[in-house]
Amino acid sequence: MKPSRIKFFTEATGEVFAELTGKNPKTAEKILRALPLEGTACRWGEEVYFETPVKAEEEEAVQDVEVGDVAYWPPGRAICIFFGRTPVSRGEKPRAYSPVNVFARVVGNPKLFSKVREGDRILVFRA
């Protein structure tokens, strides 16, 4: 049986879980196969993202996302965690720089990621 959760870890947040949504299964499968992953956190408004070695094409990519969405950004080969507005938001909701493949949702409070700083180490595991 495939795992239905992944776990993020940073010094600032501790363990944070995300549930796979079933959306964009090809993207999710590529990420799961690459786990565990480690990256260097970057911030863009209220989004944390980090580059990965995973290469995936746009699947059912969207630019308008929800607070708590976890997505893969094909041009940057990055995992993105949205917890609020971004510089291109058109209201209170997050908006990706360009289309992303949403594949998971943060369990609990996504605002925890506001504690993550540029350059922090971020780890991702199967949960």
C-alpha atoms as a PDB file:
ATOM      1  CA  MET A   1       0.000   0.000   0.000  1.00  0.00           C
ATOM      2  CA  LYS A   2       1.281   3.438  -0.908  1.00  0.00           C
ATOM      3  CA  PRO A   3       1.773   5.919   1.916  1.00  0.00           C
ATOM      4  CA  SER A   4      -0.917   8.561   2.141  1.00  0.00           C
ATOM      5  CA  ARG A   5       1.241  11.018   4.107  1.00  0.00           C
ATOM      6  CA  ILE A   6       4.606  12.682   3.954  1.00  0.00           C
ATOM      7  CA  LYS A   7       6.449  14.439   6.752  1.00  0.00           C
ATOM      8  CA  PHE A   8       8.390  17.709   6.610  1.00  0.00           C
ATOM      9  CA  PHE A   9      10.985  18.570   9.225  1.00  0.00           C
ATOM     10  CA  THR A  10      12.742  21.882   9.912  1.00  0.00           C
ATOM     11  CA  GLU A  11      14.391  23.130  13.103  1.00  0.00           C
ATOM     12  CA  ALA A  12      11.831  25.952  13.200  1.00  0.00           C
ATOM     13  CA  THR A  13       8.678  23.842  12.769  1.00  0.00           C
ATOM     14  CA  GLY A  14       9.590  20.373  13.983  1.00  0.00           C
ATOM     15  CA  GLU A  15       7.592  17.643  12.251  1.00  0.00           C
ATOM     16  CA  VAL A  16       4.702  18.718  10.022  1.00  0.00           C
ATOM     17  CA  PHE A  17       2.625  16.151   8.162  1.00  0.00           C
ATOM     18  CA  ALA A  18       0.890  16.470   4.803  1.00  0.00           C
ATOM     19  CA  GLU A  19      -1.790  14.181   3.356  1.00  0.00           C
ATOM     20  CA  LEU A  20      -1.533  13.179  -0.290  1.00  0.00           C
ATOM     21  CA  THR A  21      -4.655  14.411  -2.069  1.00  0.00           C
ATOM     22  CA  GLY A  22      -4.782  11.978  -4.971  1.00  0.00           C
ATOM     23  CA  LYS A  23      -4.439  14.893  -7.396  1.00  0.00           C
ATOM     24  CA  ASN A  24      -1.539  14.739  -9.832  1.00  0.00           C
ATOM     25  CA  PRO A  25      -0.653  11.087  -9.131  1.00  0.00           C
ATOM     26  CA  LYS A  26       2.317  10.995 -11.550  1.00  0.00           C
ATOM     27  CA  THR A  27       3.918  13.921  -9.713  1.00  0.00           C
ATOM     28  CA  ALA A  28       3.196  12.403  -6.288  1.00  0.00           C
ATOM     29  CA  GLU A  29       4.681   9.061  -7.369  1.00  0.00           C
ATOM     30  CA  LYS A  30       7.911  10.699  -8.587  1.00  0.00           C
ATOM     31  CA  ILE A  31       8.268  12.594  -5.310  1.00  0.00           C
ATOM     32  CA  LEU A  32       7.535   9.492  -3.209  1.00  0.00           C
ATOM     33  CA  ARG A  33      10.154   7.522  -5.151  1.00  0.00           C
ATOM     34  CA  ALA A  34      12.742  10.247  -4.452  1.00  0.00           C
ATOM     35  CA  LEU A  35      12.168  10.322  -0.664  1.00  0.00           C
ATOM     36  CA  PRO A  36      13.871  11.088   1.635  1.00  0.00           C
ATOM     37  CA  LEU A  37      14.657  14.560   0.257  1.00  0.00           C
ATOM     38  CA  GLU A  38      16.678  17.405   1.718  1.00  0.00           C
ATOM     39  CA  GLY A  39      16.678  20.994   0.529  1.00  0.00           C
ATOM     40  CA  THR A  40      17.484  24.569   1.389  1.00  0.00           C
ATOM     41  CA  ALA A  41      14.400  26.638   2.130  1.00  0.00           C
ATOM     42  CA  CYS A  42      13.612  29.730   0.093  1.00  0.00           C
ATOM     43  CA  ARG A  43      10.813  32.169   0.924  1.00  0.00           C
ATOM     44  CA  TRP A  44       8.508  33.984  -1.494  1.00  0.00           C
ATOM     45  CA  GLY A  45       5.870  35.871   0.428  1.00  0.00           C
ATOM     46  CA  GLU A  46       4.009  33.308   2.518  1.00  0.00           C
ATOM     47  CA  GLU A  47       5.406  30.352   0.611  1.00  0.00           C
ATOM     48  CA  VAL A  48       8.354  28.110   1.439  1.00  0.00           C
ATOM     49  CA  TYR A  49       9.918  26.263  -1.467  1.00  0.00           C
ATOM     50  CA  PHE A  50      13.045  24.217  -2.088  1.00  0.00           C
ATOM     51  CA  GLU A  51      14.706  22.637  -5.097  1.00  0.00           C
ATOM     52  CA  THR A  52      14.640  18.849  -5.526  1.00  0.00           C
ATOM     53  CA  PRO A  53      16.241  16.414  -7.976  1.00  0.00           C
ATOM     54  CA  VAL A  54      12.715  15.367  -9.071  1.00  0.00           C
ATOM     55  CA  LYS A  55      11.818  16.093 -12.695  1.00  0.00           C
ATOM     56  CA  ALA A  56       8.096  16.129 -13.512  1.00  0.00           C
ATOM     57  CA  GLU A  57       6.019  17.839 -16.178  1.00  0.00           C
ATOM     58  CA  GLU A  58       2.908  19.921 -15.557  1.00  0.00           C
ATOM     59  CA  GLU A  59       0.074  17.510 -14.785  1.00  0.00           C
ATOM     60  CA  GLU A  60      -3.161  19.267 -13.787  1.00  0.00           C
ATOM     61  CA  ALA A  61      -1.260  22.438 -12.990  1.00  0.00           C
ATOM     62  CA  VAL A  62      -2.938  25.469 -11.408  1.00  0.00           C
ATOM     63  CA  GLN A  63      -1.727  28.902 -10.398  1.00  0.00           C
ATOM     64  CA  ASP A  64      -4.389  29.717  -7.797  1.00  0.00           C
ATOM     65  CA  VAL A  65      -3.877  27.503  -4.747  1.00  0.00           C
ATOM     66  CA  GLU A  66      -5.173  27.230  -1.181  1.00  0.00           C
ATOM     67  CA  VAL A  67      -3.504  27.871   2.162  1.00  0.00           C
ATOM     68  CA  GLY A  68      -1.992  24.532   3.168  1.00  0.00           C
ATOM     69  CA  ASP A  69      -1.461  23.229  -0.365  1.00  0.00           C
ATOM     70  CA  VAL A  70       1.787  21.396  -1.092  1.00  0.00           C
ATOM     71  CA  ALA A  71       2.742  21.502  -4.755  1.00  0.00           C
ATOM     72  CA  TYR A  72       5.528  20.741  -7.213  1.00  0.00           C
ATOM     73  CA  TRP A  73       6.740  23.610  -9.414  1.00  0.00           C
ATOM     74  CA  PRO A  74       8.012  22.110 -12.696  1.00  0.00           C
ATOM     75  CA  PRO A  75      10.222  25.004 -13.947  1.00  0.00           C
ATOM     76  CA  GLY A  76      12.150  25.157 -10.658  1.00  0.00           C
ATOM     77  CA  ARG A  77      11.975  21.423  -9.851  1.00  0.00           C
ATOM     78  CA  ALA A  78      10.805  22.570  -6.426  1.00  0.00           C
ATOM     79  CA  ILE A  79       8.345  21.556  -3.732  1.00  0.00           C
ATOM     80  CA  CYS A  80       6.252  24.522  -2.569  1.00  0.00           C
ATOM     81  CA  ILE A  81       4.331  24.861   0.693  1.00  0.00           C
ATOM     82  CA  PHE A  82       1.736  27.652   0.636  1.00  0.00           C
ATOM     83  CA  PHE A  83       0.672  29.207   3.949  1.00  0.00           C
ATOM     84  CA  GLY A  84      -0.643  32.629   2.885  1.00  0.00           C
ATOM     85  CA  ARG A  85      -0.355  35.389   0.318  1.00  0.00           C
ATOM     86  CA  THR A  86       2.442  35.523  -2.254  1.00  0.00           C
ATOM     87  CA  PRO A  87       3.712  38.573  -4.181  1.00  0.00           C
ATOM     88  CA  VAL A  88       1.340  37.745  -7.081  1.00  0.00           C
ATOM     89  CA  SER A  89      -1.765  37.030  -4.962  1.00  0.00           C
ATOM     90  CA  ARG A  90      -4.933  38.770  -6.130  1.00  0.00           C
ATOM     91  CA  GLY A  91      -6.631  38.620  -2.742  1.00  0.00           C
ATOM     92  CA  GLU A  92      -6.056  36.757   0.490  1.00  0.00           C
ATOM     93  CA  LYS A  93      -5.338  33.389  -1.135  1.00  0.00           C
ATOM     94  CA  PRO A  94      -1.903  32.235  -2.241  1.00  0.00           C
ATOM     95  CA  ARG A  95      -1.033  32.284  -5.919  1.00  0.00           C
ATOM     96  CA  ALA A  96       1.934  30.464  -7.412  1.00  0.00           C
ATOM     97  CA  TYR A  97       4.481  32.287  -9.579  1.00  0.00           C
ATOM     98  CA  SER A  98       3.465  29.979 -12.434  1.00  0.00           C
ATOM     99  CA  PRO A  99       1.367  26.786 -12.603  1.00  0.00           C
ATOM    100  CA  VAL A 100       2.130  24.078 -10.019  1.00  0.00           C
ATOM    101  CA  ASN A 101       1.023  20.469  -9.499  1.00  0.00           C
ATOM    102  CA  VAL A 102      -0.759  20.335  -6.134  1.00  0.00           C
ATOM    103  CA  PHE A 103      -0.295  16.853  -4.641  1.00  0.00           C
ATOM    104  CA  ALA A 104      -0.749  17.190  -0.843  1.00  0.00           C
ATOM    105  CA  ARG A 105      -2.242  19.328   1.962  1.00  0.00           C
ATOM    106  CA  VAL A 106      -0.689  20.257   5.276  1.00  0.00           C
ATOM    107  CA  VAL A 107      -2.355  18.566   8.251  1.00  0.00           C
ATOM    108  CA  GLY A 108      -2.939  21.094  11.028  1.00  0.00           C
ATOM    109  CA  ASN A 109      -1.773  24.697  10.867  1.00  0.00           C
ATOM    110  CA  PRO A 110       0.148  25.618   7.682  1.00  0.00           C
ATOM    111  CA  LYS A 111       1.075  28.988   9.281  1.00  0.00           C
ATOM    112  CA  LEU A 112       3.811  27.065  11.159  1.00  0.00           C
ATOM    113  CA  PHE A 113       5.877  27.491   7.995  1.00  0.00           C
ATOM    114  CA  SER A 114       6.054  31.242   8.679  1.00  0.00           C
ATOM    115  CA  LYS A 115       8.833  30.319  11.149  1.00  0.00           C
ATOM    116  CA  VAL A 116      11.022  28.910   8.354  1.00  0.00           C
ATOM    117  CA  ARG A 117      13.765  31.283   7.231  1.00  0.00           C
ATOM    118  CA  GLU A 118      15.635  31.550   3.947  1.00  0.00           C
ATOM    119  CA  GLY A 119      18.515  29.064   4.039  1.00  0.00           C
ATOM    120  CA  ASP A 120      16.988  26.722   6.660  1.00  0.00           C
ATOM    121  CA  ARG A 121      17.395  23.012   6.015  1.00  0.00           C
ATOM    122  CA  ILE A 122      14.168  21.215   5.179  1.00  0.00           C
ATOM    123  CA  LEU A 123      13.752  17.437   5.117  1.00  0.00           C
ATOM    124  CA  VAL A 124      10.945  15.359   3.612  1.00  0.00           C
ATOM    125  CA  PHE A 125      10.217  11.729   4.536  1.00  0.00           C
ATOM    126  CA  ARG A 126       7.558   9.082   4.035  1.00  0.00           C
ATOM    127  CA  ALA A 127       5.260   9.156   7.043  1.00  0.00           C
END
